[in-house]
C-alpha atoms as a PDB file:
ATOM      1  CA  UNK A   1       0.000   0.000   0.000  1.00  0.00           C
ATOM      2  CA  UNK A   2       1.158   3.519  -0.745  1.00  0.00           C
ATOM      3  CA  UNK A   3       0.429   6.285   1.749  1.00  0.00           C
ATOM      4  CA  UNK A   4      -0.345   9.870   0.810  1.00  0.00           C
ATOM      5  CA  UNK A   5       0.118  12.546   3.500  1.00  0.00           C
ATOM      6  CA  UNK A   6      -0.461   9.951   6.216  1.00  0.00           C
ATOM      7  CA  UNK A   7      -3.623   8.592   4.641  1.00  0.00           C
ATOM      8  CA  UNK A   8      -3.761   5.245   2.959  1.00  0.00           C
ATOM      9  CA  UNK A   9      -5.682   6.529  -0.049  1.00  0.00           C
ATOM     10  CA  UNK A  10      -6.769   9.884  -1.391  1.00  0.00           C
ATOM     11  CA  UNK A  11     -10.013  10.749  -3.139  1.00  0.00           C
ATOM     12  CA  UNK A  12      -9.497  11.951  -6.709  1.00  0.00           C
ATOM     13  CA  UNK A  13     -12.708  12.874  -8.514  1.00  0.00           C
ATOM     14  CA  UNK A  14     -12.616  12.640 -12.286  1.00  0.00           C
ATOM     15  CA  UNK A  15     -15.043  14.812 -14.239  1.00  0.00           C
ATOM     16  CA  UNK A  16     -15.047  14.859 -18.033  1.00  0.00           C
ATOM     17  CA  UNK A  17     -17.574  15.934 -20.632  1.00  0.00           C
ATOM     18  CA  UNK A  18     -18.722  13.616 -23.404  1.00  0.00           C
ATOM     19  CA  UNK A  19     -16.729  15.697 -25.907  1.00  0.00           C
ATOM     20  CA  UNK A  20     -13.518  15.460 -23.898  1.00  0.00           C
ATOM     21  CA  UNK A  21     -13.994  11.704 -23.452  1.00  0.00           C
ATOM     22  CA  UNK A  22     -14.126  11.304 -27.216  1.00  0.00           C
ATOM     23  CA  UNK A  23     -10.948  13.376 -27.536  1.00  0.00           C
ATOM     24  CA  UNK A  24      -8.841  11.845 -24.737  1.00  0.00           C
ATOM     25  CA  UNK A  25     -10.452   8.443 -24.198  1.00  0.00           C
ATOM     26  CA  UNK A  26      -7.149   6.581 -24.443  1.00  0.00           C
ATOM     27  CA  UNK A  27      -5.809   8.639 -21.520  1.00  0.00           C
ATOM     28  CA  UNK A  28      -8.866   7.801 -19.401  1.00  0.00           C
ATOM     29  CA  UNK A  29      -8.656   4.020 -19.748  1.00  0.00           C
ATOM     30  CA  UNK A  30      -6.195   3.648 -16.828  1.00  0.00           C
ATOM     31  CA  UNK A  31      -8.645   5.490 -14.551  1.00  0.00           C
ATOM     32  CA  UNK A  32     -11.476   3.183 -15.569  1.00  0.00           C
ATOM     33  CA  UNK A  33      -9.215   0.126 -15.290  1.00  0.00           C
ATOM     34  CA  UNK A  34      -7.900   0.974 -11.818  1.00  0.00           C
ATOM     35  CA  UNK A  35     -10.606   3.199 -10.400  1.00  0.00           C
ATOM     36  CA  UNK A  36     -13.436   2.277  -8.096  1.00  0.00           C
ATOM     37  CA  UNK A  37     -16.914   3.477  -9.033  1.00  0.00           C
ATOM     38  CA  UNK A  38     -18.616   4.815  -5.908  1.00  0.00           C
ATOM     39  CA  UNK A  39     -21.831   5.905  -7.619  1.00  0.00           C
ATOM     40  CA  UNK A  40     -22.866   4.511 -10.980  1.00  0.00           C
ATOM     41  CA  UNK A  41     -25.183   6.162 -13.478  1.00  0.00           C
ATOM     42  CA  UNK A  42     -26.397   5.691 -17.019  1.00  0.00           C
ATOM     43  CA  UNK A  43     -24.241   8.647 -18.082  1.00  0.00           C
ATOM     44  CA  UNK A  44     -21.120   7.085 -16.550  1.00  0.00           C
ATOM     45  CA  UNK A  45     -21.872   3.814 -18.333  1.00  0.00           C
ATOM     46  CA  UNK A  46     -22.196   5.701 -21.625  1.00  0.00           C
ATOM     47  CA  UNK A  47     -18.868   7.485 -21.049  1.00  0.00           C
ATOM     48  CA  UNK A  48     -17.150   4.220 -20.145  1.00  0.00           C
ATOM     49  CA  UNK A  49     -18.489   2.661 -23.356  1.00  0.00           C
ATOM     50  CA  UNK A  50     -17.222   5.659 -25.346  1.00  0.00           C
ATOM     51  CA  UNK A  51     -13.753   5.422 -23.773  1.00  0.00           C
ATOM     52  CA  UNK A  52     -13.394   1.760 -24.766  1.00  0.00           C
ATOM     53  CA  UNK A  53     -15.055   2.128 -28.197  1.00  0.00           C
ATOM     54  CA  UNK A  54     -11.794   3.090 -29.945  1.00  0.00           C
ATOM     55  CA  UNK A  55      -9.682   0.193 -28.625  1.00  0.00           C
END
């Protein structure tokens, strides 16, 4: 485990628009691969699908 400022983990929100996801989807894949979804939504599912569409 890696500690950050004494805490085991830090919260890092990721907010992207649909347009930016289409533009930088390849850069977002690591966040989807390693991230934990705390709250799911239809919009998040659509963005995730868009990120992986160009693989």
